[in-house]
Amino acid sequence: MVYKRGKKIELRKRKETEKEKKAKARKKKTKNFKESFESFRLTFAIFLLIGANLIFILSIIFQSFATKGTTGSMITSSDEIVRPEQPQKILKVKVRNGCGVPGVAKKLTDYLRQRNIDVVDFDNFERYDVSETLVLDRRDYDLVNAKFIGRIIGVEENKVIPYINSDLQLDVTIIIGKNYSQLKAFR
């Protein structure tokens, strides 16, 4: 018995019945299940996001390694990626020195070979009075091959011209002019 403000209040301890005990246990079990399910969903979502990020990062890495060895993308001297429109094959190129300065054809050949361009021949041109470097497309009038090579070496597009000769086993011929110092290989 408890007295409160002069009144007698009887406190009874209530005994829980078996039904009430089972109902409480069920509620507790349901609550624990919901909490663990929410925790599982959150953990699963985090793993999915981590997996998606890993796949994205790996695809970027694999793509950079896959394109590194093709002529479809090149790393230029300024470390920029060049991806011009061009056919999916290794281009065969001939380099000719038309300026008369010794060693320029060899230096341009080395520059192109570092970029996976197949330079099949380099030598002197028939004359040494070529003022502007020219890029000649030997296969097609659409100039895709020559424009591609022109962008790699830094030749203006108006110096890329068709000079078709299907008898040659070449795609492009480069004639180095007196402006060779403006080419990317000589900067």
N, C-alpha and C. Protein backbone atom coordinates (compact mmCIF):
# COMPACT_ATOMS: atom_id res chain seq x y z
N MET A 1 0.82 -1.17 0.00
CA MET A 1 0.00 0.00 0.00
C MET A 1 0.87 1.24 0.00
N VAL A 2 0.40 2.20 -0.75
CA VAL A 2 1.12 3.45 -0.87
C VAL A 2 0.16 4.57 -0.50
N TYR A 3 0.65 5.53 0.23
CA TYR A 3 -0.18 6.67 0.62
C TYR A 3 0.24 7.87 -0.18
N LYS A 4 -0.74 8.49 -0.77
CA LYS A 4 -0.44 9.67 -1.56
C LYS A 4 -1.42 10.74 -1.14
N ARG A 5 -0.97 11.84 -0.64
CA ARG A 5 -1.78 12.95 -0.17
C ARG A 5 -2.90 12.49 0.76
N GLY A 6 -2.49 11.69 1.58
CA GLY A 6 -3.44 11.24 2.59
C GLY A 6 -4.40 10.18 2.13
N LYS A 7 -4.29 9.74 0.88
CA LYS A 7 -5.19 8.70 0.38
C LYS A 7 -4.43 7.41 0.25
N LYS A 8 -5.13 6.43 0.44
CA LYS A 8 -4.55 5.11 0.35
C LYS A 8 -4.71 4.61 -1.09
N ILE A 9 -3.61 4.32 -1.71
CA ILE A 9 -3.64 3.80 -3.09
C ILE A 9 -3.02 2.43 -3.07
N GLU A 10 -3.73 1.54 -3.60
CA GLU A 10 -3.25 0.18 -3.60
C GLU A 10 -2.60 -0.12 -4.95
N LEU A 11 -1.38 -0.53 -4.91
CA LEU A 11 -0.68 -0.88 -6.13
C LEU A 11 -0.69 -2.38 -6.27
N ARG A 12 -1.11 -2.76 -7.39
CA ARG A 12 -1.10 -4.20 -7.65
C ARG A 12 -0.09 -4.50 -8.75
N LYS A 13 0.62 -5.47 -8.50
CA LYS A 13 1.51 -5.92 -9.56
C LYS A 13 0.71 -6.83 -10.43
N ARG A 14 0.76 -6.46 -11.65
CA ARG A 14 -0.01 -7.23 -12.62
C ARG A 14 0.87 -8.32 -13.17
N LYS A 15 0.39 -9.46 -13.21
CA LYS A 15 1.16 -10.57 -13.77
C LYS A 15 0.79 -10.70 -15.24
N GLU A 16 1.80 -10.88 -16.03
CA GLU A 16 1.56 -11.04 -17.47
C GLU A 16 1.07 -12.45 -17.74
N THR A 17 0.12 -12.47 -18.61
CA THR A 17 -0.39 -13.77 -19.02
C THR A 17 0.51 -14.34 -20.10
N GLU A 18 0.38 -15.61 -20.37
CA GLU A 18 1.16 -16.28 -21.41
C GLU A 18 0.93 -15.64 -22.76
N LYS A 19 -0.30 -15.26 -23.06
CA LYS A 19 -0.62 -14.64 -24.36
C LYS A 19 0.13 -13.33 -24.53
N GLU A 20 0.12 -12.54 -23.50
CA GLU A 20 0.78 -11.25 -23.57
C GLU A 20 2.30 -11.43 -23.74
N LYS A 21 2.85 -12.41 -23.06
CA LYS A 21 4.28 -12.67 -23.20
C LYS A 21 4.63 -13.07 -24.64
N LYS A 22 3.82 -13.93 -25.24
CA LYS A 22 4.06 -14.35 -26.62
C LYS A 22 3.92 -13.19 -27.58
N ALA A 23 2.90 -12.34 -27.36
CA ALA A 23 2.69 -11.17 -28.24
C ALA A 23 3.88 -10.23 -28.16
N LYS A 24 4.40 -9.99 -26.96
CA LYS A 24 5.57 -9.13 -26.79
C LYS A 24 6.79 -9.72 -27.50
N ALA A 25 6.96 -11.01 -27.37
CA ALA A 25 8.10 -11.68 -28.01
C ALA A 25 7.98 -11.58 -29.53
N ARG A 26 6.75 -11.73 -30.05
CA ARG A 26 6.54 -11.61 -31.49
C ARG A 26 6.85 -10.20 -31.97
N LYS A 27 6.40 -9.18 -31.23
CA LYS A 27 6.68 -7.78 -31.60
C LYS A 27 8.19 -7.53 -31.62
N LYS A 28 8.85 -8.02 -30.59
CA LYS A 28 10.30 -7.83 -30.49
C LYS A 28 11.01 -8.51 -31.65
N LYS A 29 10.57 -9.73 -31.99
CA LYS A 29 11.16 -10.48 -33.09
C LYS A 29 10.94 -9.76 -34.41
N THR A 30 9.71 -9.26 -34.62
CA THR A 30 9.39 -8.52 -35.85
C THR A 30 10.23 -7.26 -35.94
N LYS A 31 10.36 -6.55 -34.82
CA LYS A 31 11.16 -5.32 -34.80
C LYS A 31 12.61 -5.63 -35.14
N ASN A 32 13.17 -6.68 -34.53
CA ASN A 32 14.56 -7.08 -34.81
C ASN A 32 14.72 -7.48 -36.28
N PHE A 33 13.75 -8.19 -36.83
CA PHE A 33 13.82 -8.59 -38.23
C PHE A 33 13.81 -7.38 -39.14
N LYS A 34 12.91 -6.41 -38.85
CA LYS A 34 12.84 -5.20 -39.68
C LYS A 34 14.14 -4.43 -39.61
N GLU A 35 14.71 -4.31 -38.42
CA GLU A 35 15.97 -3.59 -38.28
C GLU A 35 17.10 -4.30 -39.03
N SER A 36 17.17 -5.61 -38.92
CA SER A 36 18.23 -6.33 -39.61
C SER A 36 18.02 -6.31 -41.13
N PHE A 37 16.75 -6.33 -41.57
CA PHE A 37 16.48 -6.25 -43.00
C PHE A 37 16.88 -4.88 -43.55
N GLU A 38 16.57 -3.81 -42.82
CA GLU A 38 16.97 -2.46 -43.24
C GLU A 38 18.50 -2.35 -43.29
N SER A 39 19.15 -2.92 -42.31
CA SER A 39 20.61 -2.91 -42.28
C SER A 39 21.17 -3.67 -43.48
N PHE A 40 20.57 -4.82 -43.80
CA PHE A 40 20.99 -5.60 -44.96
C PHE A 40 20.79 -4.81 -46.24
N ARG A 41 19.65 -4.15 -46.39
CA ARG A 41 19.39 -3.35 -47.60
C ARG A 41 20.40 -2.24 -47.76
N LEU A 42 20.72 -1.56 -46.67
CA LEU A 42 21.70 -0.48 -46.71
C LEU A 42 23.07 -1.02 -47.10
N THR A 43 23.49 -2.11 -46.49
CA THR A 43 24.78 -2.72 -46.81
C THR A 43 24.82 -3.18 -48.27
N PHE A 44 23.75 -3.78 -48.74
CA PHE A 44 23.67 -4.24 -50.13
C PHE A 44 23.78 -3.06 -51.09
N ALA A 45 23.09 -1.96 -50.79
CA ALA A 45 23.14 -0.77 -51.65
C ALA A 45 24.55 -0.20 -51.69
N ILE A 46 25.23 -0.19 -50.56
CA ILE A 46 26.61 0.32 -50.52
C ILE A 46 27.52 -0.55 -51.37
N PHE A 47 27.38 -1.87 -51.26
CA PHE A 47 28.21 -2.78 -52.07
C PHE A 47 27.90 -2.61 -53.56
N LEU A 48 26.65 -2.40 -53.91
CA LEU A 48 26.30 -2.16 -55.32
C LEU A 48 26.97 -0.90 -55.84
N LEU A 49 26.94 0.17 -55.06
CA LEU A 49 27.59 1.41 -55.48
C LEU A 49 29.10 1.25 -55.61
N ILE A 50 29.69 0.55 -54.66
CA ILE A 50 31.14 0.31 -54.74
C ILE A 50 31.46 -0.53 -55.98
N GLY A 51 30.66 -1.56 -56.24
CA GLY A 51 30.87 -2.39 -57.43
C GLY A 51 30.72 -1.60 -58.72
N ALA A 52 29.70 -0.74 -58.78
CA ALA A 52 29.50 0.07 -59.98
C ALA A 52 30.68 1.02 -60.19
N ASN A 53 31.17 1.62 -59.12
CA ASN A 53 32.34 2.50 -59.25
C ASN A 53 33.57 1.73 -59.69
N LEU A 54 33.79 0.55 -59.16
CA LEU A 54 34.94 -0.26 -59.59
C LEU A 54 34.85 -0.62 -61.07
N ILE A 55 33.66 -1.01 -61.51
CA ILE A 55 33.48 -1.35 -62.92
C ILE A 55 33.77 -0.13 -63.79
N PHE A 56 33.28 1.04 -63.38
CA PHE A 56 33.51 2.27 -64.14
C PHE A 56 35.00 2.59 -64.21
N ILE A 57 35.68 2.51 -63.08
CA ILE A 57 37.12 2.82 -63.06
C ILE A 57 37.90 1.81 -63.89
N LEU A 58 37.58 0.54 -63.76
CA LEU A 58 38.28 -0.48 -64.54
C LEU A 58 38.03 -0.33 -66.03
N SER A 59 36.81 0.05 -66.41
CA SER A 59 36.54 0.24 -67.84
C SER A 59 37.35 1.40 -68.40
N ILE A 60 37.53 2.45 -67.62
CA ILE A 60 38.36 3.58 -68.07
C ILE A 60 39.80 3.13 -68.22
N ILE A 61 40.30 2.37 -67.25
CA ILE A 61 41.69 1.89 -67.31
C ILE A 61 41.88 0.96 -68.51
N PHE A 62 40.98 -0.01 -68.69
CA PHE A 62 41.11 -0.93 -69.82
C PHE A 62 40.98 -0.20 -71.15
N GLN A 63 40.11 0.78 -71.22
CA GLN A 63 39.95 1.53 -72.47
C GLN A 63 41.22 2.30 -72.80
N SER A 64 41.85 2.88 -71.79
CA SER A 64 43.07 3.63 -72.07
C SER A 64 44.19 2.70 -72.52
N PHE A 65 44.29 1.49 -71.92
CA PHE A 65 45.31 0.54 -72.37
C PHE A 65 44.98 -0.03 -73.74
N ALA A 66 43.71 -0.24 -74.03
CA ALA A 66 43.31 -0.82 -75.31
C ALA A 66 43.58 0.14 -76.45
N THR A 67 43.42 1.44 -76.23
CA THR A 67 43.61 2.40 -77.31
C THR A 67 45.04 2.90 -77.39
N LYS A 68 45.86 2.60 -76.39
CA LYS A 68 47.23 3.09 -76.40
C LYS A 68 48.04 2.54 -77.56
N GLY A 69 47.83 1.30 -77.95
CA GLY A 69 48.63 0.68 -79.00
C GLY A 69 48.05 0.80 -80.39
N THR A 70 46.95 1.47 -80.59
CA THR A 70 46.35 1.59 -81.91
C THR A 70 46.63 2.96 -82.48
N THR A 71 46.37 3.11 -83.77
CA THR A 71 46.53 4.41 -84.39
C THR A 71 45.29 5.27 -84.17
N GLY A 72 44.28 4.75 -83.50
CA GLY A 72 43.06 5.49 -83.26
C GLY A 72 43.19 6.54 -82.17
N SER A 73 44.17 6.42 -81.31
CA SER A 73 44.40 7.47 -80.31
C SER A 73 45.89 7.53 -80.03
N MET A 74 46.38 8.70 -79.91
CA MET A 74 47.80 8.91 -79.72
C MET A 74 48.02 9.87 -78.57
N ILE A 75 49.14 9.74 -77.90
CA ILE A 75 49.54 10.72 -76.92
C ILE A 75 50.54 11.62 -77.64
N THR A 76 50.22 12.89 -77.74
CA THR A 76 51.11 13.82 -78.42
C THR A 76 52.13 14.34 -77.43
N SER A 77 53.03 15.15 -77.92
CA SER A 77 54.08 15.66 -77.05
C SER A 77 53.52 16.53 -75.94
N SER A 78 52.36 17.11 -76.12
CA SER A 78 51.76 17.93 -75.06
C SER A 78 50.82 17.11 -74.20
N ASP A 79 50.91 15.77 -74.29
CA ASP A 79 50.12 14.84 -73.50
C ASP A 79 48.62 14.97 -73.72
N GLU A 80 48.20 15.48 -74.84
CA GLU A 80 46.77 15.52 -75.13
C GLU A 80 46.42 14.30 -75.96
N ILE A 81 45.21 13.81 -75.82
CA ILE A 81 44.78 12.64 -76.57
C ILE A 81 44.16 13.11 -77.88
N VAL A 82 44.65 12.55 -78.98
CA VAL A 82 44.13 12.90 -80.30
C VAL A 82 43.35 11.70 -80.80
N ARG A 83 42.08 11.88 -81.10
CA ARG A 83 41.26 10.81 -81.62
C ARG A 83 40.54 11.27 -82.88
N PRO A 84 41.29 11.49 -83.92
CA PRO A 84 40.64 11.93 -85.15
C PRO A 84 39.94 10.78 -85.85
N GLU A 85 39.09 11.15 -86.78
CA GLU A 85 38.40 10.15 -87.58
C GLU A 85 39.43 9.50 -88.49
N GLN A 86 39.49 8.19 -88.49
CA GLN A 86 40.45 7.47 -89.32
C GLN A 86 40.08 6.00 -89.36
N PRO A 87 40.57 5.27 -90.34
CA PRO A 87 40.24 3.85 -90.44
C PRO A 87 40.91 3.04 -89.33
N GLN A 88 40.36 1.88 -89.05
CA GLN A 88 40.89 1.01 -87.99
C GLN A 88 41.94 0.07 -88.56
N LYS A 89 43.04 0.63 -89.02
CA LYS A 89 44.15 -0.18 -89.51
C LYS A 89 45.44 0.59 -89.28
N ILE A 90 46.55 -0.11 -89.33
CA ILE A 90 47.84 0.55 -89.20
C ILE A 90 48.20 1.16 -90.55
N LEU A 91 48.49 2.43 -90.55
CA LEU A 91 48.78 3.15 -91.79
C LEU A 91 50.23 2.96 -92.21
N LYS A 92 50.42 2.81 -93.52
CA LYS A 92 51.77 2.70 -94.09
C LYS A 92 52.13 4.06 -94.69
N VAL A 93 53.25 4.60 -94.21
CA VAL A 93 53.64 5.96 -94.56
C VAL A 93 55.05 5.98 -95.13
N LYS A 94 55.26 6.88 -96.09
CA LYS A 94 56.59 7.13 -96.64
C LYS A 94 56.93 8.58 -96.31
N VAL A 95 58.16 8.85 -95.82
CA VAL A 95 58.59 10.19 -95.46
C VAL A 95 59.72 10.61 -96.40
N ARG A 96 59.59 11.82 -96.94
CA ARG A 96 60.61 12.38 -97.85
C ARG A 96 61.08 13.74 -97.35
N ASN A 97 62.40 13.95 -97.39
CA ASN A 97 63.00 15.22 -96.99
C ASN A 97 63.04 16.14 -98.20
N GLY A 98 62.20 17.17 -98.18
CA GLY A 98 62.16 18.13 -99.30
C GLY A 98 62.74 19.47 -98.93
N CYS A 99 63.38 19.58 -97.75
CA CYS A 99 63.94 20.87 -97.34
C CYS A 99 65.46 20.88 -97.42
N GLY A 100 66.09 19.72 -97.50
CA GLY A 100 67.55 19.66 -97.62
C GLY A 100 68.30 19.66 -96.31
N VAL A 101 67.61 19.76 -95.19
CA VAL A 101 68.28 19.74 -93.88
C VAL A 101 68.52 18.27 -93.49
N PRO A 102 69.77 17.90 -93.24
CA PRO A 102 70.06 16.50 -92.91
C PRO A 102 69.36 16.03 -91.63
N GLY A 103 68.83 14.81 -91.68
CA GLY A 103 68.27 14.17 -90.49
C GLY A 103 66.80 14.43 -90.21
N VAL A 104 66.14 15.33 -90.96
CA VAL A 104 64.74 15.64 -90.63
C VAL A 104 63.82 14.47 -90.96
N ALA A 105 64.09 13.76 -92.04
CA ALA A 105 63.24 12.61 -92.39
C ALA A 105 63.36 11.51 -91.33
N LYS A 106 64.55 11.29 -90.82
CA LYS A 106 64.77 10.28 -89.78
C LYS A 106 64.07 10.68 -88.48
N LYS A 107 64.18 11.96 -88.12
CA LYS A 107 63.56 12.43 -86.88
C LYS A 107 62.04 12.32 -86.96
N LEU A 108 61.45 12.69 -88.09
CA LEU A 108 59.99 12.58 -88.25
C LEU A 108 59.58 11.10 -88.28
N THR A 109 60.40 10.26 -88.88
CA THR A 109 60.11 8.82 -88.91
C THR A 109 60.08 8.26 -87.49
N ASP A 110 61.06 8.61 -86.68
CA ASP A 110 61.09 8.15 -85.29
C ASP A 110 59.87 8.64 -84.53
N TYR A 111 59.50 9.89 -84.74
CA TYR A 111 58.32 10.48 -84.08
C TYR A 111 57.05 9.69 -84.44
N LEU A 112 56.89 9.36 -85.71
CA LEU A 112 55.71 8.62 -86.15
C LEU A 112 55.73 7.18 -85.63
N ARG A 113 56.86 6.55 -85.65
CA ARG A 113 56.95 5.16 -85.17
C ARG A 113 56.65 5.06 -83.68
N GLN A 114 57.00 6.09 -82.92
CA GLN A 114 56.64 6.10 -81.50
C GLN A 114 55.13 6.14 -81.31
N ARG A 115 54.42 6.58 -82.32
CA ARG A 115 52.96 6.68 -82.27
C ARG A 115 52.29 5.56 -83.07
N ASN A 116 53.02 4.47 -83.26
CA ASN A 116 52.53 3.25 -83.93
C ASN A 116 52.10 3.48 -85.38
N ILE A 117 52.77 4.38 -86.06
CA ILE A 117 52.57 4.57 -87.49
C ILE A 117 53.69 3.79 -88.18
N ASP A 118 53.31 2.98 -89.16
CA ASP A 118 54.28 2.14 -89.87
C ASP A 118 54.92 2.96 -90.99
N VAL A 119 56.11 3.50 -90.71
CA VAL A 119 56.86 4.23 -91.73
C VAL A 119 57.68 3.20 -92.48
N VAL A 120 57.28 2.93 -93.72
CA VAL A 120 57.93 1.87 -94.49
C VAL A 120 59.21 2.34 -95.18
N ASP A 121 59.34 3.68 -95.35
CA ASP A 121 60.52 4.19 -96.05
C ASP A 121 60.69 5.67 -95.72
N PHE A 122 61.95 6.09 -95.55
CA PHE A 122 62.26 7.52 -95.44
C PHE A 122 63.54 7.77 -96.21
N ASP A 123 63.54 8.91 -96.92
CA ASP A 123 64.69 9.24 -97.78
C ASP A 123 64.56 10.70 -98.18
N ASN A 124 65.43 11.12 -99.10
CA ASN A 124 65.36 12.48 -99.63
C ASN A 124 64.33 12.55 -100.75
N PHE A 125 63.73 13.73 -100.90
CA PHE A 125 62.82 13.99 -102.00
C PHE A 125 63.66 14.35 -103.22
N GLU A 126 63.05 14.37 -104.40
CA GLU A 126 63.80 14.67 -105.62
C GLU A 126 64.31 16.11 -105.68
N ARG A 127 63.72 17.00 -104.89
CA ARG A 127 64.15 18.41 -104.83
C ARG A 127 64.26 18.84 -103.37
N TYR A 128 65.00 19.91 -103.13
CA TYR A 128 65.14 20.44 -101.78
C TYR A 128 64.56 21.84 -101.64
N ASP A 129 63.63 22.20 -102.51
CA ASP A 129 63.06 23.54 -102.47
C ASP A 129 61.58 23.56 -102.08
N VAL A 130 61.12 22.55 -101.38
CA VAL A 130 59.72 22.49 -100.96
C VAL A 130 59.56 23.44 -99.76
N SER A 131 58.69 24.44 -99.90
CA SER A 131 58.57 25.46 -98.85
C SER A 131 57.66 25.01 -97.70
N GLU A 132 56.57 24.33 -98.00
CA GLU A 132 55.60 23.89 -96.98
C GLU A 132 55.55 22.36 -96.93
N THR A 133 55.43 21.81 -95.75
CA THR A 133 55.28 20.37 -95.60
C THR A 133 53.94 19.94 -96.15
N LEU A 134 53.94 18.86 -96.93
CA LEU A 134 52.73 18.34 -97.56
C LEU A 134 52.46 16.92 -97.09
N VAL A 135 51.18 16.60 -96.98
CA VAL A 135 50.77 15.24 -96.65
C VAL A 135 49.88 14.77 -97.79
N LEU A 136 50.31 13.70 -98.48
CA LEU A 136 49.60 13.21 -99.66
C LEU A 136 48.88 11.92 -99.33
N ASP A 137 47.59 11.89 -99.61
CA ASP A 137 46.82 10.66 -99.42
C ASP A 137 46.95 9.84 -100.69
N ARG A 138 47.43 8.60 -100.58
CA ARG A 138 47.68 7.75 -101.75
C ARG A 138 46.54 6.77 -102.03
N ARG A 139 45.50 6.74 -101.18
CA ARG A 139 44.43 5.75 -101.32
C ARG A 139 43.08 6.34 -101.69
N ASP A 140 42.64 7.36 -100.93
CA ASP A 140 41.26 7.82 -101.05
C ASP A 140 41.17 9.34 -101.19
N TYR A 141 40.14 9.77 -101.88
CA TYR A 141 39.90 11.20 -102.03
C TYR A 141 39.24 11.80 -100.79
N ASP A 142 38.75 10.96 -99.89
CA ASP A 142 38.16 11.50 -98.66
C ASP A 142 39.22 11.99 -97.67
N LEU A 143 40.48 11.65 -97.91
CA LEU A 143 41.65 12.14 -97.17
C LEU A 143 41.66 11.76 -95.68
N VAL A 144 40.93 10.74 -95.30
CA VAL A 144 40.88 10.36 -93.89
C VAL A 144 42.28 10.00 -93.39
N ASN A 145 43.00 9.19 -94.14
CA ASN A 145 44.34 8.76 -93.72
C ASN A 145 45.29 9.95 -93.62
N ALA A 146 45.31 10.78 -94.63
CA ALA A 146 46.24 11.91 -94.66
C ALA A 146 45.89 12.95 -93.60
N LYS A 147 44.60 13.19 -93.37
CA LYS A 147 44.21 14.15 -92.33
C LYS A 147 44.63 13.64 -90.95
N PHE A 148 44.50 12.35 -90.76
CA PHE A 148 44.92 11.76 -89.49
C PHE A 148 46.41 11.99 -89.26
N ILE A 149 47.22 11.67 -90.25
CA ILE A 149 48.68 11.86 -90.14
C ILE A 149 48.99 13.35 -90.01
N GLY A 150 48.29 14.17 -90.76
CA GLY A 150 48.51 15.62 -90.67
C GLY A 150 48.28 16.15 -89.27
N ARG A 151 47.25 15.67 -88.60
CA ARG A 151 46.98 16.12 -87.22
C ARG A 151 48.06 15.63 -86.26
N ILE A 152 48.57 14.43 -86.50
CA ILE A 152 49.62 13.91 -85.61
C ILE A 152 50.89 14.74 -85.72
N ILE A 153 51.27 15.12 -86.93
CA ILE A 153 52.53 15.85 -87.08
C ILE A 153 52.36 17.36 -87.04
N GLY A 154 51.12 17.85 -87.09
CA GLY A 154 50.88 19.29 -86.97
C GLY A 154 50.87 20.04 -88.29
N VAL A 155 50.38 19.42 -89.34
CA VAL A 155 50.28 20.08 -90.65
C VAL A 155 48.87 20.63 -90.81
N GLU A 156 48.79 21.84 -91.34
CA GLU A 156 47.48 22.46 -91.59
C GLU A 156 46.69 21.62 -92.58
N GLU A 157 45.38 21.63 -92.43
CA GLU A 157 44.52 20.79 -93.25
C GLU A 157 44.57 21.18 -94.74
N ASN A 158 44.86 22.42 -95.06
CA ASN A 158 44.93 22.82 -96.47
C ASN A 158 46.21 22.31 -97.15
N LYS A 159 47.13 21.72 -96.36
CA LYS A 159 48.35 21.12 -96.91
C LYS A 159 48.22 19.60 -97.02
N VAL A 160 47.01 19.11 -96.81
CA VAL A 160 46.71 17.69 -96.96
C VAL A 160 45.95 17.54 -98.27
N ILE A 161 46.53 16.80 -99.20
CA ILE A 161 45.93 16.72 -100.54
C ILE A 161 45.90 15.28 -101.05
N PRO A 162 44.98 14.99 -101.95
CA PRO A 162 44.96 13.64 -102.54
C PRO A 162 46.00 13.55 -103.67
N TYR A 163 46.69 12.46 -103.72
CA TYR A 163 47.64 12.16 -104.80
C TYR A 163 47.61 10.64 -104.95
N ILE A 164 46.52 10.17 -105.51
CA ILE A 164 46.18 8.75 -105.54
C ILE A 164 47.13 7.98 -106.46
N ASN A 165 47.63 6.86 -105.94
CA ASN A 165 48.42 5.93 -106.72
C ASN A 165 48.20 4.56 -106.09
N SER A 166 47.21 3.84 -106.59
CA SER A 166 46.85 2.54 -106.00
C SER A 166 47.92 1.47 -106.23
N ASP A 167 48.88 1.72 -107.14
CA ASP A 167 49.96 0.76 -107.36
C ASP A 167 50.94 0.73 -106.19
N LEU A 168 51.05 1.84 -105.49
CA LEU A 168 51.94 1.89 -104.31
C LEU A 168 51.27 1.16 -103.16
N GLN A 169 52.06 0.53 -102.35
CA GLN A 169 51.55 -0.14 -101.16
C GLN A 169 51.64 0.81 -99.96
N LEU A 170 51.14 2.02 -100.17
CA LEU A 170 51.21 3.08 -99.16
C LEU A 170 49.84 3.68 -98.94
N ASP A 171 49.68 4.28 -97.77
CA ASP A 171 48.48 5.04 -97.48
C ASP A 171 48.75 6.54 -97.60
N VAL A 172 49.94 6.95 -97.13
CA VAL A 172 50.26 8.38 -97.06
C VAL A 172 51.73 8.60 -97.38
N THR A 173 52.01 9.73 -98.06
CA THR A 173 53.39 10.18 -98.25
C THR A 173 53.51 11.57 -97.63
N ILE A 174 54.58 11.78 -96.87
CA ILE A 174 54.85 13.08 -96.26
C ILE A 174 56.08 13.65 -96.93
N ILE A 175 55.97 14.88 -97.41
CA ILE A 175 57.12 15.59 -97.98
C ILE A 175 57.41 16.75 -97.03
N ILE A 176 58.56 16.68 -96.38
CA ILE A 176 58.92 17.70 -95.38
C ILE A 176 59.44 18.94 -96.09
N GLY A 177 58.83 20.08 -95.76
CA GLY A 177 59.24 21.34 -96.35
C GLY A 177 60.13 22.16 -95.44
N LYS A 178 60.46 23.36 -95.90
CA LYS A 178 61.35 24.25 -95.14
C LYS A 178 60.73 24.72 -93.83
N ASN A 179 59.43 24.53 -93.67
CA ASN A 179 58.76 24.90 -92.42
C ASN A 179 58.77 23.74 -91.40
N TYR A 180 59.72 22.82 -91.54
CA TYR A 180 59.77 21.62 -90.70
C TYR A 180 59.83 21.95 -89.21
N SER A 181 60.39 23.09 -88.84
CA SER A 181 60.52 23.44 -87.42
C SER A 181 59.15 23.67 -86.77
N GLN A 182 58.11 23.87 -87.56
CA GLN A 182 56.76 24.07 -87.01
C GLN A 182 56.04 22.74 -86.74
N LEU A 183 56.60 21.64 -87.23
CA LEU A 183 55.98 20.34 -87.00
C LEU A 183 56.17 19.90 -85.55
N LYS A 184 55.25 19.10 -85.03
CA LYS A 184 55.29 18.68 -83.64
C LYS A 184 56.54 17.89 -83.31
N ALA A 185 57.08 17.15 -84.24
CA ALA A 185 58.28 16.34 -83.99
C ALA A 185 59.51 17.20 -83.74
N PHE A 186 59.49 18.46 -84.17
CA PHE A 186 60.65 19.33 -84.07
C PHE A 186 60.48 20.44 -83.05
N ARG A 187 59.41 20.41 -82.30
CA ARG A 187 59.19 21.48 -81.29
C ARG A 187 59.91 21.16 -80.02
